[in-house]
Amino acid sequence: MPRLDMVGLLMSNSEQRMTTETALKLLTNQQRQQILRRVADTPDGTTVDQLTQHLEGEDSLQPDGNGSVEHRGIELHHVHLPKLQDANVIEYDTSQGTVHRGREFQNVLRLLEAIDDHQEETSSSIS
């Protein structure tokens, strides 16, 4: 039996480029989810500085103490933004420090929204 491809369900046949596994791996990290939500809210793009400040405001300090603005900026630059860029989810201009939506952005955002909707439904049915 063929496996269910969630991203495939959310995309038209001509748009299918990313596997569900790849999209879900990207979405396992809360900071990457926050990055995608922020980029979704800024259609003209954003800067690494703005993303760093946004993430700092969302989740001030991690239990390990790695919540400083400087640490978040380093983590964005060296970990999260390159992963999202490699998957064509964002376009990251390191020289300008800007982030824009990539070719796969809408597809991964739709999956994130589906996950968010499911979590809301699950939490409201438990209440």
PDB file of N, CA and C in Angstrom:
ATOM      1  N   MET A   1       0.852  -1.176   0.000  1.00  0.00           N
ATOM      2  CA  MET A   1       0.000   0.000   0.000  1.00  0.00           C
ATOM      3  C   MET A   1       0.899   1.240   0.000  1.00  0.00           C
ATOM      4  N   PRO A   2       0.667   2.203  -0.871  1.00  0.00           N
ATOM      5  CA  PRO A   2       1.502   3.405  -0.897  1.00  0.00           C
ATOM      6  C   PRO A   2       1.304   4.209   0.384  1.00  0.00           C
ATOM      7  N   ARG A   3       2.404   4.807   0.834  1.00  0.00           N
ATOM      8  CA  ARG A   3       2.309   5.591   2.064  1.00  0.00           C
ATOM      9  C   ARG A   3       1.594   6.910   1.785  1.00  0.00           C
ATOM     10  N   LEU A   4       0.946   7.399   2.795  1.00  0.00           N
ATOM     11  CA  LEU A   4       0.217   8.660   2.687  1.00  0.00           C
ATOM     12  C   LEU A   4       1.215   9.807   2.688  1.00  0.00           C
ATOM     13  N   ASP A   5       1.168  10.625   1.694  1.00  0.00           N
ATOM     14  CA  ASP A   5       2.073  11.765   1.580  1.00  0.00           C
ATOM     15  C   ASP A   5       1.292  13.022   1.910  1.00  0.00           C
ATOM     16  N   MET A   6       1.433  13.496   3.150  1.00  0.00           N
ATOM     17  CA  MET A   6       0.661  14.638   3.630  1.00  0.00           C
ATOM     18  C   MET A   6       0.939  15.893   2.806  1.00  0.00           C
ATOM     19  N   VAL A   7       2.210  16.147   2.510  1.00  0.00           N
ATOM     20  CA  VAL A   7       2.529  17.326   1.703  1.00  0.00           C
ATOM     21  C   VAL A   7       1.897  17.180   0.328  1.00  0.00           C
ATOM     22  N   GLY A   8       1.927  15.966  -0.216  1.00  0.00           N
ATOM     23  CA  GLY A   8       1.324  15.716  -1.517  1.00  0.00           C
ATOM     24  C   GLY A   8      -0.164  16.001  -1.517  1.00  0.00           C
ATOM     25  N   LEU A   9      -0.819  15.721  -0.391  1.00  0.00           N
ATOM     26  CA  LEU A   9      -2.242  16.014  -0.290  1.00  0.00           C
ATOM     27  C   LEU A   9      -2.508  17.511  -0.291  1.00  0.00           C
ATOM     28  N   LEU A  10      -1.559  18.262   0.207  1.00  0.00           N
ATOM     29  CA  LEU A  10      -1.748  19.700   0.335  1.00  0.00           C
ATOM     30  C   LEU A  10      -1.258  20.477  -0.878  1.00  0.00           C
ATOM     31  N   MET A  11      -0.618  19.798  -1.820  1.00  0.00           N
ATOM     32  CA  MET A  11      -0.056  20.470  -2.993  1.00  0.00           C
ATOM     33  C   MET A  11      -0.650  19.856  -4.257  1.00  0.00           C
ATOM     34  N   SER A  12      -0.707  20.634  -5.299  1.00  0.00           N
ATOM     35  CA  SER A  12      -1.136  20.075  -6.574  1.00  0.00           C
ATOM     36  C   SER A  12       0.002  19.240  -7.149  1.00  0.00           C
ATOM     37  N   ASN A  13      -0.303  18.354  -8.075  1.00  0.00           N
ATOM     38  CA  ASN A  13       0.709  17.467  -8.650  1.00  0.00           C
ATOM     39  C   ASN A  13       1.889  18.213  -9.244  1.00  0.00           C
ATOM     40  N   SER A  14       1.648  19.339  -9.866  1.00  0.00           N
ATOM     41  CA  SER A  14       2.737  20.071 -10.507  1.00  0.00           C
ATOM     42  C   SER A  14       3.665  20.732  -9.492  1.00  0.00           C
ATOM     43  N   GLU A  15       3.213  20.876  -8.255  1.00  0.00           N
ATOM     44  CA  GLU A  15       4.023  21.546  -7.244  1.00  0.00           C
ATOM     45  C   GLU A  15       4.837  20.581  -6.391  1.00  0.00           C
ATOM     46  N   GLN A  16       4.600  19.279  -6.490  1.00  0.00           N
ATOM     47  CA  GLN A  16       5.253  18.334  -5.600  1.00  0.00           C
ATOM     48  C   GLN A  16       6.749  18.265  -5.858  1.00  0.00           C
ATOM     49  N   ARG A  17       7.521  18.736  -4.885  1.00  0.00           N
ATOM     50  CA  ARG A  17       8.974  18.699  -4.981  1.00  0.00           C
ATOM     51  C   ARG A  17       9.600  18.219  -3.687  1.00  0.00           C
ATOM     52  N   MET A  18       8.920  18.375  -2.585  1.00  0.00           N
ATOM     53  CA  MET A  18       9.455  18.060  -1.276  1.00  0.00           C
ATOM     54  C   MET A  18       8.684  16.883  -0.683  1.00  0.00           C
ATOM     55  N   THR A  19       9.401  15.977  -0.032  1.00  0.00           N
ATOM     56  CA  THR A  19       8.732  14.840   0.590  1.00  0.00           C
ATOM     57  C   THR A  19       8.138  15.253   1.931  1.00  0.00           C
ATOM     58  N   THR A  20       7.167  14.494   2.380  1.00  0.00           N
ATOM     59  CA  THR A  20       6.575  14.734   3.688  1.00  0.00           C
ATOM     60  C   THR A  20       7.637  14.624   4.769  1.00  0.00           C
ATOM     61  N   GLU A  21       8.490  13.628   4.641  1.00  0.00           N
ATOM     62  CA  GLU A  21       9.538  13.414   5.640  1.00  0.00           C
ATOM     63  C   GLU A  21      10.429  14.650   5.780  1.00  0.00           C
ATOM     64  N   THR A  22      10.833  15.228   4.673  1.00  0.00           N
ATOM     65  CA  THR A  22      11.678  16.427   4.707  1.00  0.00           C
ATOM     66  C   THR A  22      10.941  17.587   5.364  1.00  0.00           C
ATOM     67  N   ALA A  23       9.702  17.801   4.971  1.00  0.00           N
ATOM     68  CA  ALA A  23       8.921  18.906   5.539  1.00  0.00           C
ATOM     69  C   ALA A  23       8.724  18.723   7.039  1.00  0.00           C
ATOM     70  N   LEU A  24       8.404  17.506   7.461  1.00  0.00           N
ATOM     71  CA  LEU A  24       8.188  17.262   8.887  1.00  0.00           C
ATOM     72  C   LEU A  24       9.472  17.417   9.690  1.00  0.00           C
ATOM     73  N   LYS A  25      10.599  17.002   9.120  1.00  0.00           N
ATOM     74  CA  LYS A  25      11.880  17.200   9.813  1.00  0.00           C
ATOM     75  C   LYS A  25      12.138  18.685  10.042  1.00  0.00           C
ATOM     76  N   LEU A  26      11.832  19.494   9.052  1.00  0.00           N
ATOM     77  CA  LEU A  26      12.013  20.940   9.209  1.00  0.00           C
ATOM     78  C   LEU A  26      11.099  21.494  10.298  1.00  0.00           C
ATOM     79  N   LEU A  27       9.907  20.938  10.406  1.00  0.00           N
ATOM     80  CA  LEU A  27       8.913  21.460  11.340  1.00  0.00           C
ATOM     81  C   LEU A  27       9.031  20.889  12.748  1.00  0.00           C
ATOM     82  N   THR A  28       9.968  19.964  12.969  1.00  0.00           N
ATOM     83  CA  THR A  28      10.121  19.411  14.317  1.00  0.00           C
ATOM     84  C   THR A  28      10.710  20.423  15.286  1.00  0.00           C
ATOM     85  N   ASN A  29      11.334  21.447  14.777  1.00  0.00           N
ATOM     86  CA  ASN A  29      11.967  22.452  15.623  1.00  0.00           C
ATOM     87  C   ASN A  29      11.040  23.652  15.805  1.00  0.00           C
ATOM     88  N   GLN A  30      10.791  24.017  17.053  1.00  0.00           N
ATOM     89  CA  GLN A  30       9.889  25.131  17.361  1.00  0.00           C
ATOM     90  C   GLN A  30      10.383  26.460  16.791  1.00  0.00           C
ATOM     91  N   GLN A  31      11.698  26.670  16.810  1.00  0.00           N
ATOM     92  CA  GLN A  31      12.220  27.930  16.273  1.00  0.00           C
ATOM     93  C   GLN A  31      11.973  28.028  14.772  1.00  0.00           C
ATOM     94  N   ARG A  32      12.129  26.923  14.054  1.00  0.00           N
ATOM     95  CA  ARG A  32      11.858  26.970  12.612  1.00  0.00           C
ATOM     96  C   ARG A  32      10.376  27.219  12.360  1.00  0.00           C
ATOM     97  N   GLN A  33       9.511  26.667  13.204  1.00  0.00           N
ATOM     98  CA  GLN A  33       8.085  26.959  13.072  1.00  0.00           C
ATOM     99  C   GLN A  33       7.834  28.455  13.267  1.00  0.00           C
ATOM    100  N   GLN A  34       8.480  29.042  14.264  1.00  0.00           N
ATOM    101  CA  GLN A  34       8.318  30.472  14.526  1.00  0.00           C
ATOM    102  C   GLN A  34       8.860  31.307  13.370  1.00  0.00           C
ATOM    103  N   ILE A  35       9.972  30.875  12.795  1.00  0.00           N
ATOM    104  CA  ILE A  35      10.540  31.579  11.639  1.00  0.00           C
ATOM    105  C   ILE A  35       9.529  31.587  10.500  1.00  0.00           C
ATOM    106  N   LEU A  36       8.936  30.421  10.218  1.00  0.00           N
ATOM    107  CA  LEU A  36       7.966  30.331   9.123  1.00  0.00           C
ATOM    108  C   LEU A  36       6.752  31.215   9.384  1.00  0.00           C
ATOM    109  N   ARG A  37       6.276  31.221  10.620  1.00  0.00           N
ATOM    110  CA  ARG A  37       5.125  32.071  10.943  1.00  0.00           C
ATOM    111  C   ARG A  37       5.475  33.551  10.760  1.00  0.00           C
ATOM    112  N   ARG A  38       6.673  33.927  11.168  1.00  0.00           N
ATOM    113  CA  ARG A  38       7.096  35.327  11.034  1.00  0.00           C
ATOM    114  C   ARG A  38       7.223  35.715   9.563  1.00  0.00           C
ATOM    115  N   VAL A  39       7.834  34.845   8.762  1.00  0.00           N
ATOM    116  CA  VAL A  39       7.982  35.128   7.332  1.00  0.00           C
ATOM    117  C   VAL A  39       6.599  35.177   6.675  1.00  0.00           C
ATOM    118  N   ALA A  40       5.673  34.356   7.144  1.00  0.00           N
ATOM    119  CA  ALA A  40       4.303  34.387   6.617  1.00  0.00           C
ATOM    120  C   ALA A  40       3.635  35.729   6.912  1.00  0.00           C
ATOM    121  N   ASP A  41       3.985  36.322   8.051  1.00  0.00           N
ATOM    122  CA  ASP A  41       3.406  37.611   8.447  1.00  0.00           C
ATOM    123  C   ASP A  41       4.075  38.799   7.769  1.00  0.00           C
ATOM    124  N   THR A  42       5.196  38.567   7.083  1.00  0.00           N
ATOM    125  CA  THR A  42       5.946  39.655   6.438  1.00  0.00           C
ATOM    126  C   THR A  42       6.173  39.309   4.969  1.00  0.00           C
ATOM    127  N   PRO A  43       5.157  39.514   4.118  1.00  0.00           N
ATOM    128  CA  PRO A  43       5.245  39.101   2.712  1.00  0.00           C
ATOM    129  C   PRO A  43       6.393  39.737   1.934  1.00  0.00           C
ATOM    130  N   ASP A  44       6.855  40.902   2.376  1.00  0.00           N
ATOM    131  CA  ASP A  44       7.963  41.554   1.673  1.00  0.00           C
ATOM    132  C   ASP A  44       9.320  41.136   2.210  1.00  0.00           C
ATOM    133  N   GLY A  45       9.328  40.160   3.102  1.00  0.00           N
ATOM    134  CA  GLY A  45      10.576  39.682   3.674  1.00  0.00           C
ATOM    135  C   GLY A  45      10.859  40.310   5.024  1.00  0.00           C
ATOM    136  N   THR A  46      11.887  39.804   5.665  1.00  0.00           N
ATOM    137  CA  THR A  46      12.284  40.276   6.983  1.00  0.00           C
ATOM    138  C   THR A  46      13.801  40.214   7.073  1.00  0.00           C
ATOM    139  N   THR A  47      14.323  40.658   8.180  1.00  0.00           N
ATOM    140  CA  THR A  47      15.773  40.609   8.373  1.00  0.00           C
ATOM    141  C   THR A  47      16.104  39.609   9.471  1.00  0.00           C
ATOM    142  N   VAL A  48      17.356  39.188   9.496  1.00  0.00           N
ATOM    143  CA  VAL A  48      17.810  38.278  10.542  1.00  0.00           C
ATOM    144  C   VAL A  48      17.669  38.958  11.903  1.00  0.00           C
ATOM    145  N   ASP A  49      17.963  40.245  11.972  1.00  0.00           N
ATOM    146  CA  ASP A  49      17.815  40.976  13.239  1.00  0.00           C
ATOM    147  C   ASP A  49      16.367  40.956  13.722  1.00  0.00           C
ATOM    148  N   GLN A  50      15.427  41.173  12.806  1.00  0.00           N
ATOM    149  CA  GLN A  50      14.010  41.144  13.187  1.00  0.00           C
ATOM    150  C   GLN A  50      13.593  39.743  13.624  1.00  0.00           C
ATOM    151  N   LEU A  51      14.067  38.723  12.924  1.00  0.00           N
ATOM    152  CA  LEU A  51      13.760  37.345  13.317  1.00  0.00           C
ATOM    153  C   LEU A  51      14.331  37.032  14.693  1.00  0.00           C
ATOM    154  N   THR A  52      15.552  37.471  14.922  1.00  0.00           N
ATOM    155  CA  THR A  52      16.195  37.233  16.217  1.00  0.00           C
ATOM    156  C   THR A  52      15.387  37.874  17.337  1.00  0.00           C
ATOM    157  N   GLN A  53      14.969  39.109  17.136  1.00  0.00           N
ATOM    158  CA  GLN A  53      14.157  39.798  18.144  1.00  0.00           C
ATOM    159  C   GLN A  53      12.810  39.104  18.328  1.00  0.00           C
ATOM    160  N   HIS A  54      12.209  38.653  17.241  1.00  0.00           N
ATOM    161  CA  HIS A  54      10.921  37.957  17.306  1.00  0.00           C
ATOM    162  C   HIS A  54      11.055  36.670  18.111  1.00  0.00           C
ATOM    163  N   LEU A  55      12.095  35.900  17.843  1.00  0.00           N
ATOM    164  CA  LEU A  55      12.301  34.649  18.568  1.00  0.00           C
ATOM    165  C   LEU A  55      12.597  34.913  20.031  1.00  0.00           C
ATOM    166  N   GLU A  56      13.348  35.947  20.311  1.00  0.00           N
ATOM    167  CA  GLU A  56      13.648  36.311  21.701  1.00  0.00           C
ATOM    168  C   GLU A  56      12.356  36.636  22.440  1.00  0.00           C
ATOM    169  N   GLY A  57      11.462  37.358  21.780  1.00  0.00           N
ATOM    170  CA  GLY A  57      10.200  37.724  22.410  1.00  0.00           C
ATOM    171  C   GLY A  57       9.280  36.538  22.616  1.00  0.00           C
ATOM    172  N   GLU A  58       9.356  35.559  21.721  1.00  0.00           N
ATOM    173  CA  GLU A  58       8.487  34.388  21.802  1.00  0.00           C
ATOM    174  C   GLU A  58       8.883  33.458  22.939  1.00  0.00           C
ATOM    175  N   ASP A  59      10.173  33.291  23.143  1.00  0.00           N
ATOM    176  CA  ASP A  59      10.638  32.254  24.049  1.00  0.00           C
ATOM    177  C   ASP A  59      11.901  32.746  24.736  1.00  0.00           C
ATOM    178  N   SER A  60      11.724  33.658  25.631  1.00  0.00           N
ATOM    179  CA  SER A  60      12.821  34.424  26.204  1.00  0.00           C
ATOM    180  C   SER A  60      14.076  33.624  26.523  1.00  0.00           C
ATOM    181  N   LEU A  61      14.076  32.813  27.536  1.00  0.00           N
ATOM    182  CA  LEU A  61      15.281  32.055  27.874  1.00  0.00           C
ATOM    183  C   LEU A  61      14.990  30.564  27.883  1.00  0.00           C
ATOM    184  N   GLN A  62      15.863  29.822  27.260  1.00  0.00           N
ATOM    185  CA  GLN A  62      15.774  28.369  27.273  1.00  0.00           C
ATOM    186  C   GLN A  62      16.240  27.878  28.642  1.00  0.00           C
ATOM    187  N   PRO A  63      15.823  26.679  29.065  1.00  0.00           N
ATOM    188  CA  PRO A  63      16.291  26.140  30.343  1.00  0.00           C
ATOM    189  C   PRO A  63      17.816  26.040  30.422  1.00  0.00           C
ATOM    190  N   ASP A  64      18.470  25.864  29.285  1.00  0.00           N
ATOM    191  CA  ASP A  64      19.929  25.753  29.284  1.00  0.00           C
ATOM    192  C   ASP A  64      20.604  27.123  29.258  1.00  0.00           C
ATOM    193  N   GLY A  65      19.824  28.202  29.307  1.00  0.00           N
ATOM    194  CA  GLY A  65      20.386  29.547  29.333  1.00  0.00           C
ATOM    195  C   GLY A  65      20.766  30.082  27.971  1.00  0.00           C
ATOM    196  N   ASN A  66      20.407  29.381  26.903  1.00  0.00           N
ATOM    197  CA  ASN A  66      20.800  29.782  25.554  1.00  0.00           C
ATOM    198  C   ASN A  66      19.754  30.650  24.874  1.00  0.00           C
ATOM    199  N   GLY A  67      19.134  31.527  25.605  1.00  0.00           N
ATOM    200  CA  GLY A  67      18.097  32.356  25.015  1.00  0.00           C
ATOM    201  C   GLY A  67      18.532  33.771  24.714  1.00  0.00           C
ATOM    202  N   SER A  68      19.817  34.063  24.828  1.00  0.00           N
ATOM    203  CA  SER A  68      20.266  35.428  24.578  1.00  0.00           C
ATOM    204  C   SER A  68      20.063  35.796  23.117  1.00  0.00           C
ATOM    205  N   VAL A  69      19.928  37.084  22.878  1.00  0.00           N
ATOM    206  CA  VAL A  69      19.759  37.569  21.507  1.00  0.00           C
ATOM    207  C   VAL A  69      20.953  37.146  20.662  1.00  0.00           C
ATOM    208  N   GLU A  70      22.143  37.257  21.216  1.00  0.00           N
ATOM    209  CA  GLU A  70      23.345  36.879  20.464  1.00  0.00           C
ATOM    210  C   GLU A  70      23.326  35.396  20.099  1.00  0.00           C
ATOM    211  N   HIS A  71      22.968  34.560  21.067  1.00  0.00           N
ATOM    212  CA  HIS A  71      22.914  33.117  20.792  1.00  0.00           C
ATOM    213  C   HIS A  71      21.867  32.806  19.728  1.00  0.00           C
ATOM    214  N   ARG A  72      20.704  33.445  19.834  1.00  0.00           N
ATOM    215  CA  ARG A  72      19.640  33.203  18.850  1.00  0.00           C
ATOM    216  C   ARG A  72      20.082  33.606  17.451  1.00  0.00           C
ATOM    217  N   GLY A  73      20.758  34.741  17.343  1.00  0.00           N
ATOM    218  CA  GLY A  73      21.244  35.192  16.036  1.00  0.00           C
ATOM    219  C   GLY A  73      22.238  34.224  15.436  1.00  0.00           C
ATOM    220  N   ILE A  74      23.135  33.708  16.258  1.00  0.00           N
ATOM    221  CA  ILE A  74      24.129  32.735  15.786  1.00  0.00           C
ATOM    222  C   ILE A  74      23.439  31.459  15.335  1.00  0.00           C
ATOM    223  N   GLU A  75      22.489  30.995  16.143  1.00  0.00           N
ATOM    224  CA  GLU A  75      21.754  29.776  15.808  1.00  0.00           C
ATOM    225  C   GLU A  75      20.947  29.947  14.517  1.00  0.00           C
ATOM    226  N   LEU A  76      20.320  31.098  14.356  1.00  0.00           N
ATOM    227  CA  LEU A  76      19.593  31.377  13.112  1.00  0.00           C
ATOM    228  C   LEU A  76      20.534  31.316  11.915  1.00  0.00           C
ATOM    229  N   HIS A  77      21.638  32.033  12.014  1.00  0.00           N
ATOM    230  CA  HIS A  77      22.587  32.165  10.902  1.00  0.00           C
ATOM    231  C   HIS A  77      23.253  30.841  10.533  1.00  0.00           C
ATOM    232  N   HIS A  78      23.584  30.028  11.525  1.00  0.00           N
ATOM    233  CA  HIS A  78      24.362  28.819  11.266  1.00  0.00           C
ATOM    234  C   HIS A  78      23.545  27.530  11.205  1.00  0.00           C
ATOM    235  N   VAL A  79      22.316  27.542  11.725  1.00  0.00           N
ATOM    236  CA  VAL A  79      21.539  26.296  11.780  1.00  0.00           C
ATOM    237  C   VAL A  79      20.211  26.415  11.026  1.00  0.00           C
ATOM    238  N   HIS A  80      19.307  27.213  11.567  1.00  0.00           N
ATOM    239  CA  HIS A  80      17.925  27.188  11.086  1.00  0.00           C
ATOM    240  C   HIS A  80      17.737  27.785   9.692  1.00  0.00           C
ATOM    241  N   LEU A  81      18.293  28.955   9.447  1.00  0.00           N
ATOM    242  CA  LEU A  81      18.118  29.567   8.123  1.00  0.00           C
ATOM    243  C   LEU A  81      18.787  28.750   7.020  1.00  0.00           C
ATOM    244  N   PRO A  82      19.998  28.219   7.226  1.00  0.00           N
ATOM    245  CA  PRO A  82      20.579  27.364   6.174  1.00  0.00           C
ATOM    246  C   PRO A  82      19.746  26.108   5.887  1.00  0.00           C
ATOM    247  N   LYS A  83      19.181  25.491   6.933  1.00  0.00           N
ATOM    248  CA  LYS A  83      18.342  24.304   6.707  1.00  0.00           C
ATOM    249  C   LYS A  83      17.113  24.655   5.876  1.00  0.00           C
ATOM    250  N   LEU A  84      16.478  25.759   6.218  1.00  0.00           N
ATOM    251  CA  LEU A  84      15.293  26.176   5.470  1.00  0.00           C
ATOM    252  C   LEU A  84      15.652  26.590   4.047  1.00  0.00           C
ATOM    253  N   GLN A  85      16.808  27.210   3.878  1.00  0.00           N
ATOM    254  CA  GLN A  85      17.244  27.603   2.534  1.00  0.00           C
ATOM    255  C   GLN A  85      17.595  26.375   1.696  1.00  0.00           C
ATOM    256  N   ASP A  86      18.285  25.414   2.280  1.00  0.00           N
ATOM    257  CA  ASP A  86      18.656  24.201   1.541  1.00  0.00           C
ATOM    258  C   ASP A  86      17.429  23.464   1.015  1.00  0.00           C
ATOM    259  N   ALA A  87      16.319  23.575   1.737  1.00  0.00           N
ATOM    260  CA  ALA A  87      15.072  22.923   1.322  1.00  0.00           C
ATOM    261  C   ALA A  87      14.214  23.834   0.446  1.00  0.00           C
ATOM    262  N   ASN A  88      14.742  25.009   0.074  1.00  0.00           N
ATOM    263  CA  ASN A  88      14.027  25.986  -0.761  1.00  0.00           C
ATOM    264  C   ASN A  88      12.764  26.538  -0.109  1.00  0.00           C
ATOM    265  N   VAL A  89      12.736  26.515   1.222  1.00  0.00           N
ATOM    266  CA  VAL A  89      11.591  27.067   1.938  1.00  0.00           C
ATOM    267  C   VAL A  89      11.733  28.578   2.057  1.00  0.00           C
ATOM    268  N   ILE A  90      12.961  29.033   2.232  1.00  0.00           N
ATOM    269  CA  ILE A  90      13.237  30.471   2.280  1.00  0.00           C
ATOM    270  C   ILE A  90      14.387  30.788   1.340  1.00  0.00           C
ATOM    271  N   GLU A  91      14.520  32.070   1.047  1.00  0.00           N
ATOM    272  CA  GLU A  91      15.699  32.593   0.359  1.00  0.00           C
ATOM    273  C   GLU A  91      16.406  33.466   1.378  1.00  0.00           C
ATOM    274  N   TYR A  92      17.632  33.094   1.713  1.00  0.00           N
ATOM    275  CA  TYR A  92      18.391  33.779   2.751  1.00  0.00           C
ATOM    276  C   TYR A  92      19.608  34.436   2.126  1.00  0.00           C
ATOM    277  N   ASP A  93      19.612  35.752   2.120  1.00  0.00           N
ATOM    278  CA  ASP A  93      20.735  36.521   1.588  1.00  0.00           C
ATOM    279  C   ASP A  93      21.649  36.869   2.757  1.00  0.00           C
ATOM    280  N   THR A  94      22.742  36.117   2.889  1.00  0.00           N
ATOM    281  CA  THR A  94      23.636  36.314   4.028  1.00  0.00           C
ATOM    282  C   THR A  94      24.328  37.670   3.989  1.00  0.00           C
ATOM    283  N   SER A  95      24.615  38.178   2.810  1.00  0.00           N
ATOM    284  CA  SER A  95      25.317  39.467   2.728  1.00  0.00           C
ATOM    285  C   SER A  95      24.413  40.628   3.144  1.00  0.00           C
ATOM    286  N   GLN A  96      23.131  40.532   2.844  1.00  0.00           N
ATOM    287  CA  GLN A  96      22.174  41.586   3.211  1.00  0.00           C
ATOM    288  C   GLN A  96      21.479  41.302   4.542  1.00  0.00           C
ATOM    289  N   GLY A  97      21.542  40.041   4.989  1.00  0.00           N
ATOM    290  CA  GLY A  97      20.858  39.661   6.220  1.00  0.00           C
ATOM    291  C   GLY A  97      19.353  39.659   6.079  1.00  0.00           C
ATOM    292  N   THR A  98      18.867  39.305   4.871  1.00  0.00           N
ATOM    293  CA  THR A  98      17.424  39.310   4.622  1.00  0.00           C
ATOM    294  C   THR A  98      16.903  37.899   4.353  1.00  0.00           C
ATOM    295  N   VAL A  99      15.634  37.716   4.659  1.00  0.00           N
ATOM    296  CA  VAL A  99      14.973  36.426   4.482  1.00  0.00           C
ATOM    297  C   VAL A  99      13.664  36.662   3.736  1.00  0.00           C
ATOM    298  N   HIS A 100      13.461  35.903   2.663  1.00  0.00           N
ATOM    299  CA  HIS A 100      12.235  35.975   1.863  1.00  0.00           C
ATOM    300  C   HIS A 100      11.686  34.566   1.672  1.00  0.00           C
ATOM    301  N   ARG A 101      10.449  34.501   1.235  1.00  0.00           N
ATOM    302  CA  ARG A 101       9.813  33.209   0.968  1.00  0.00           C
ATOM    303  C   ARG A 101      10.489  32.517  -0.211  1.00  0.00           C
ATOM    304  N   GLY A 102      10.701  31.222  -0.054  1.00  0.00           N
ATOM    305  CA  GLY A 102      11.286  30.427  -1.121  1.00  0.00           C
ATOM    306  C   GLY A 102      10.225  29.654  -1.884  1.00  0.00           C
ATOM    307  N   ARG A 103      10.675  28.862  -2.842  1.00  0.00           N
ATOM    308  CA  ARG A 103       9.782  28.110  -3.716  1.00  0.00           C
ATOM    309  C   ARG A 103       8.866  27.160  -2.939  1.00  0.00           C
ATOM    310  N   GLU A 104       9.353  26.550  -1.880  1.00  0.00           N
ATOM    311  CA  GLU A 104       8.575  25.575  -1.108  1.00  0.00           C
ATOM    312  C   GLU A 104       7.868  26.187   0.103  1.00  0.00           C
ATOM    313  N   PHE A 105       7.971  27.492   0.273  1.00  0.00           N
ATOM    314  CA  PHE A 105       7.439  28.134   1.480  1.00  0.00           C
ATOM    315  C   PHE A 105       5.959  27.827   1.696  1.00  0.00           C
ATOM    316  N   GLN A 106       5.141  28.083   0.695  1.00  0.00           N
ATOM    317  CA  GLN A 106       3.692  27.901   0.847  1.00  0.00           C
ATOM    318  C   GLN A 106       3.343  26.456   1.178  1.00  0.00           C
ATOM    319  N   ASN A 107       4.050  25.519   0.577  1.00  0.00           N
ATOM    320  CA  ASN A 107       3.764  24.105   0.821  1.00  0.00           C
ATOM    321  C   ASN A 107       4.038  23.723   2.273  1.00  0.00           C
ATOM    322  N   VAL A 108       5.172  24.155   2.794  1.00  0.00           N
ATOM    323  CA  VAL A 108       5.528  23.825   4.173  1.00  0.00           C
ATOM    324  C   VAL A 108       4.638  24.604   5.142  1.00  0.00           C
ATOM    325  N   LEU A 109       4.306  25.840   4.805  1.00  0.00           N
ATOM    326  CA  LEU A 109       3.408  26.622   5.655  1.00  0.00           C
ATOM    327  C   LEU A 109       2.039  25.950   5.753  1.00  0.00           C
ATOM    328  N   ARG A 110       1.534  25.429   4.644  1.00  0.00           N
ATOM    329  CA  ARG A 110       0.238  24.724   4.677  1.00  0.00           C
ATOM    330  C   ARG A 110       0.295  23.516   5.603  1.00  0.00           C
ATOM    331  N   LEU A 111       1.406  22.799   5.575  1.00  0.00           N
ATOM    332  CA  LEU A 111       1.558  21.648   6.463  1.00  0.00           C
ATOM    333  C   LEU A 111       1.609  22.116   7.917  1.00  0.00           C
ATOM    334  N   LEU A 112       2.339  23.184   8.195  1.00  0.00           N
ATOM    335  CA  LEU A 112       2.404  23.733   9.554  1.00  0.00           C
ATOM    336  C   LEU A 112       1.017  24.162  10.021  1.00  0.00           C
ATOM    337  N   GLU A 113       0.259  24.798   9.154  1.00  0.00           N
ATOM    338  CA  GLU A 113      -1.099  25.217   9.511  1.00  0.00           C
ATOM    339  C   GLU A 113      -1.993  24.011   9.783  1.00  0.00           C
ATOM    340  N   ALA A 114      -1.823  22.939   9.012  1.00  0.00           N
ATOM    341  CA  ALA A 114      -2.599  21.717   9.242  1.00  0.00           C
ATOM    342  C   ALA A 114      -2.242  21.110  10.599  1.00  0.00           C
ATOM    343  N   ILE A 115      -0.968  21.128  10.941  1.00  0.00           N
ATOM    344  CA  ILE A 115      -0.525  20.620  12.243  1.00  0.00           C
ATOM    345  C   ILE A 115      -1.104  21.490  13.355  1.00  0.00           C
ATOM    346  N   ASP A 116      -1.024  22.808  13.187  1.00  0.00           N
ATOM    347  CA  ASP A 116      -1.580  23.730  14.187  1.00  0.00           C
ATOM    348  C   ASP A 116      -3.076  23.501  14.369  1.00  0.00           C
ATOM    349  N   ASP A 117      -3.810  23.346  13.267  1.00  0.00           N
ATOM    350  CA  ASP A 117      -5.254  23.102  13.338  1.00  0.00           C
ATOM    351  C   ASP A 117      -5.547  21.810  14.084  1.00  0.00           C
ATOM    352  N   HIS A 118      -4.769  20.783  13.803  1.00  0.00           N
ATOM    353  CA  HIS A 118      -4.965  19.493  14.471  1.00  0.00           C
ATOM    354  C   HIS A 118      -4.705  19.626  15.973  1.00  0.00           C
ATOM    355  N   GLN A 119      -3.654  20.348  16.336  1.00  0.00           N
ATOM    356  CA  GLN A 119      -3.350  20.546  17.757  1.00  0.00           C
ATOM    357  C   GLN A 119      -4.463  21.319  18.449  1.00  0.00           C
ATOM    358  N   GLU A 120      -5.014  22.322  17.779  1.00  0.00           N
ATOM    359  CA  GLU A 120      -6.122  23.091  18.353  1.00  0.00           C
ATOM    360  C   GLU A 120      -7.348  22.207  18.545  1.00  0.00           C
ATOM    361  N   GLU A 121      -7.659  21.379  17.541  1.00  0.00           N
ATOM    362  CA  GLU A 121      -8.806  20.478  17.637  1.00  0.00           C
ATOM    363  C   GLU A 121      -8.616  19.482  18.765  1.00  0.00           C
ATOM    364  N   THR A 122      -7.410  18.955  18.881  1.00  0.00           N
ATOM    365  CA  THR A 122      -7.116  17.975  19.918  1.00  0.00           C
ATOM    366  C   THR A 122      -7.214  18.603  21.299  1.00  0.00           C
ATOM    367  N   SER A 123      -6.654  19.789  21.465  1.00  0.00           N
ATOM    368  CA  SER A 123      -6.679  20.439  22.783  1.00  0.00           C
ATOM    369  C   SER A 123      -8.090  20.881  23.157  1.00  0.00           C
ATOM    370  N   SER A 124      -8.895  21.307  22.188  1.00  0.00           N
ATOM    371  CA  SER A 124     -10.262  21.728  22.511  1.00  0.00           C
ATOM    372  C   SER A 124     -11.161  20.530  22.805  1.00  0.00           C
ATOM    373  N   SER A 125     -10.868  19.378  22.220  1.00  0.00           N
ATOM    374  CA  SER A 125     -11.682  18.194  22.505  1.00  0.00           C
ATOM    375  C   SER A 125     -11.333  17.597  23.866  1.00  0.00           C
ATOM    376  N   ILE A 126     -10.130  17.876  24.362  1.00  0.00           N
ATOM    377  CA  ILE A 126      -9.721  17.396  25.680  1.00  0.00           C
ATOM    378  C   ILE A 126     -10.328  18.268  26.769  1.00  0.00           C
ATOM    379  N   SER A 127     -10.506  19.553  26.488  1.00  0.00           N
ATOM    380  CA  SER A 127     -11.012  20.510  27.497  1.00  0.00           C
ATOM    381  C   SER A 127     -12.429  20.254  27.876  1.00  0.00           C
TER     382      SER A 127
END
